[in-house]
Amino acid sequence: MEWIIAIALAVGVFVLVAVFVLRTKRHDGGTVRGWFEFDKYKDGENSKRNLHDKTRWR
């Protein structure tokens, strides 16, 4: 019966280590400092690619 507890603890430690490693390997930029103008960013990206923005309200 003790071996079941030992296996459960080992699996739990393995899962915790795996979660920690996966979270630290993520390279997201985090939050953007200051005020972020999404529409201005989107317009800039669309104009770089010579695209027409069809999502604007008329």
N, C-alpha and C. Protein backbone atom coordinates (compact mmCIF):
# COMPACT_ATOMS: atom_id res chain seq x y z
N MET A 1 0.82 -1.20 0.00
CA MET A 1 0.00 0.00 0.00
C MET A 1 0.87 1.27 0.00
N GLU A 2 2.03 1.18 0.62
CA GLU A 2 2.90 2.35 0.66
C GLU A 2 3.45 2.68 -0.72
N TRP A 3 3.61 1.67 -1.56
CA TRP A 3 4.16 1.91 -2.89
C TRP A 3 3.19 2.71 -3.75
N ILE A 4 1.89 2.60 -3.51
CA ILE A 4 0.91 3.40 -4.24
C ILE A 4 1.07 4.88 -3.88
N ILE A 5 1.27 5.15 -2.62
CA ILE A 5 1.46 6.53 -2.17
C ILE A 5 2.77 7.09 -2.76
N ALA A 6 3.81 6.27 -2.76
CA ALA A 6 5.10 6.71 -3.31
C ALA A 6 4.99 7.01 -4.80
N ILE A 7 4.28 6.17 -5.54
CA ILE A 7 4.09 6.39 -6.98
C ILE A 7 3.27 7.65 -7.21
N ALA A 8 2.22 7.84 -6.42
CA ALA A 8 1.38 9.04 -6.56
C ALA A 8 2.19 10.30 -6.27
N LEU A 9 3.03 10.28 -5.27
CA LEU A 9 3.87 11.44 -4.96
C LEU A 9 4.89 11.69 -6.08
N ALA A 10 5.46 10.63 -6.63
CA ALA A 10 6.43 10.78 -7.72
C ALA A 10 5.75 11.37 -8.96
N VAL A 11 4.56 10.91 -9.26
CA VAL A 11 3.83 11.44 -10.41
C VAL A 11 3.48 12.91 -10.17
N GLY A 12 3.07 13.24 -8.96
CA GLY A 12 2.74 14.62 -8.62
C GLY A 12 3.94 15.55 -8.75
N VAL A 13 5.10 15.10 -8.28
CA VAL A 13 6.32 15.91 -8.40
C VAL A 13 6.70 16.06 -9.86
N PHE A 14 6.58 14.99 -10.64
CA PHE A 14 6.90 15.05 -12.06
C PHE A 14 5.99 16.05 -12.78
N VAL A 15 4.71 16.04 -12.48
CA VAL A 15 3.77 16.97 -13.11
C VAL A 15 4.10 18.41 -12.72
N LEU A 16 4.41 18.65 -11.46
CA LEU A 16 4.77 20.00 -11.03
C LEU A 16 6.02 20.50 -11.72
N VAL A 17 7.02 19.64 -11.85
CA VAL A 17 8.25 20.04 -12.54
C VAL A 17 7.98 20.31 -14.01
N ALA A 18 7.16 19.47 -14.65
CA ALA A 18 6.83 19.66 -16.06
C ALA A 18 6.09 20.98 -16.28
N VAL A 19 5.15 21.29 -15.41
CA VAL A 19 4.41 22.55 -15.53
C VAL A 19 5.36 23.73 -15.35
N PHE A 20 6.25 23.65 -14.37
CA PHE A 20 7.20 24.74 -14.13
C PHE A 20 8.11 24.94 -15.34
N VAL A 21 8.61 23.86 -15.91
CA VAL A 21 9.51 23.96 -17.06
C VAL A 21 8.77 24.54 -18.26
N LEU A 22 7.57 24.08 -18.51
CA LEU A 22 6.82 24.58 -19.67
C LEU A 22 6.46 26.05 -19.50
N ARG A 23 6.16 26.49 -18.31
CA ARG A 23 5.82 27.90 -18.09
C ARG A 23 7.04 28.80 -18.22
N THR A 24 8.19 28.33 -17.82
CA THR A 24 9.38 29.18 -17.91
C THR A 24 9.95 29.21 -19.32
N LYS A 25 9.64 28.22 -20.16
CA LYS A 25 10.15 28.20 -21.53
C LYS A 25 9.32 29.07 -22.46
N ARG A 26 8.13 29.49 -22.02
CA ARG A 26 7.30 30.34 -22.87
C ARG A 26 7.95 31.69 -23.05
N HIS A 27 7.97 32.17 -24.27
CA HIS A 27 8.61 33.45 -24.56
C HIS A 27 7.59 34.45 -25.07
N ASP A 28 6.52 34.63 -24.34
CA ASP A 28 5.58 35.66 -24.76
C ASP A 28 6.11 37.01 -24.27
N GLY A 29 5.74 38.04 -24.96
CA GLY A 29 6.28 39.35 -24.66
C GLY A 29 5.73 39.96 -23.39
N GLY A 30 4.70 39.38 -22.83
CA GLY A 30 4.09 39.97 -21.65
C GLY A 30 3.18 41.11 -22.05
N THR A 31 2.99 42.03 -21.14
CA THR A 31 2.10 43.15 -21.42
C THR A 31 2.88 44.28 -22.08
N VAL A 32 2.17 45.09 -22.80
CA VAL A 32 2.77 46.24 -23.47
C VAL A 32 2.69 47.42 -22.52
N ARG A 33 3.79 48.12 -22.35
CA ARG A 33 3.79 49.27 -21.45
C ARG A 33 3.04 50.43 -22.07
N GLY A 34 2.36 51.17 -21.25
CA GLY A 34 1.65 52.34 -21.73
C GLY A 34 0.35 51.97 -22.43
N TRP A 35 -0.12 52.88 -23.24
CA TRP A 35 -1.39 52.69 -23.95
C TRP A 35 -1.10 52.11 -25.32
N PHE A 36 -1.79 51.05 -25.68
CA PHE A 36 -1.56 50.39 -26.96
C PHE A 36 -2.75 50.65 -27.87
N GLU A 37 -2.49 51.32 -28.98
CA GLU A 37 -3.53 51.62 -29.96
C GLU A 37 -3.59 50.48 -30.97
N PHE A 38 -4.54 49.56 -30.77
CA PHE A 38 -4.61 48.40 -31.65
C PHE A 38 -4.97 48.81 -33.08
N ASP A 39 -5.90 49.74 -33.23
CA ASP A 39 -6.30 50.15 -34.58
C ASP A 39 -5.14 50.79 -35.33
N LYS A 40 -4.33 51.58 -34.63
CA LYS A 40 -3.18 52.20 -35.28
C LYS A 40 -2.17 51.12 -35.69
N TYR A 41 -1.95 50.14 -34.81
CA TYR A 41 -1.04 49.04 -35.12
C TYR A 41 -1.55 48.24 -36.33
N LYS A 42 -2.86 47.94 -36.30
CA LYS A 42 -3.45 47.16 -37.39
C LYS A 42 -3.37 47.93 -38.71
N ASP A 43 -3.64 49.23 -38.67
CA ASP A 43 -3.54 50.03 -39.89
C ASP A 43 -2.11 50.03 -40.43
N GLY A 44 -1.15 50.14 -39.53
CA GLY A 44 0.25 50.12 -39.97
C GLY A 44 0.63 48.79 -40.59
N GLU A 45 0.21 47.70 -39.97
CA GLU A 45 0.54 46.38 -40.52
C GLU A 45 -0.15 46.16 -41.86
N ASN A 46 -1.41 46.57 -41.96
CA ASN A 46 -2.13 46.41 -43.23
C ASN A 46 -1.52 47.25 -44.33
N SER A 47 -1.09 48.46 -43.99
CA SER A 47 -0.51 49.31 -45.04
C SER A 47 0.86 48.78 -45.48
N LYS A 48 1.59 48.14 -44.57
CA LYS A 48 2.87 47.54 -44.96
C LYS A 48 2.66 46.43 -45.98
N ARG A 49 1.55 45.72 -45.82
CA ARG A 49 1.28 44.57 -46.70
C ARG A 49 0.36 44.93 -47.86
N ASN A 50 0.02 46.23 -47.96
CA ASN A 50 -0.85 46.72 -49.02
C ASN A 50 -2.20 46.00 -49.01
N LEU A 51 -2.80 45.90 -47.82
CA LEU A 51 -4.10 45.26 -47.66
C LEU A 51 -5.16 46.31 -47.36
N HIS A 52 -6.40 46.00 -47.73
CA HIS A 52 -7.51 46.89 -47.43
C HIS A 52 -8.25 46.38 -46.20
N ASP A 53 -8.48 47.26 -45.23
CA ASP A 53 -9.13 46.87 -43.98
C ASP A 53 -10.65 46.89 -44.16
N LYS A 54 -11.27 45.72 -44.15
CA LYS A 54 -12.71 45.61 -44.34
C LYS A 54 -13.45 45.47 -43.02
N THR A 55 -12.75 45.58 -41.89
CA THR A 55 -13.39 45.37 -40.60
C THR A 55 -13.88 46.66 -39.96
N ARG A 56 -13.68 47.79 -40.57
CA ARG A 56 -14.09 49.06 -39.98
C ARG A 56 -15.59 49.27 -40.14
N TRP A 57 -16.16 49.97 -39.16
CA TRP A 57 -17.57 50.35 -39.25
C TRP A 57 -17.70 51.45 -40.30
N ARG A 58 -18.78 51.41 -40.99
CA ARG A 58 -19.00 52.43 -42.03
C ARG A 58 -19.93 53.50 -41.52
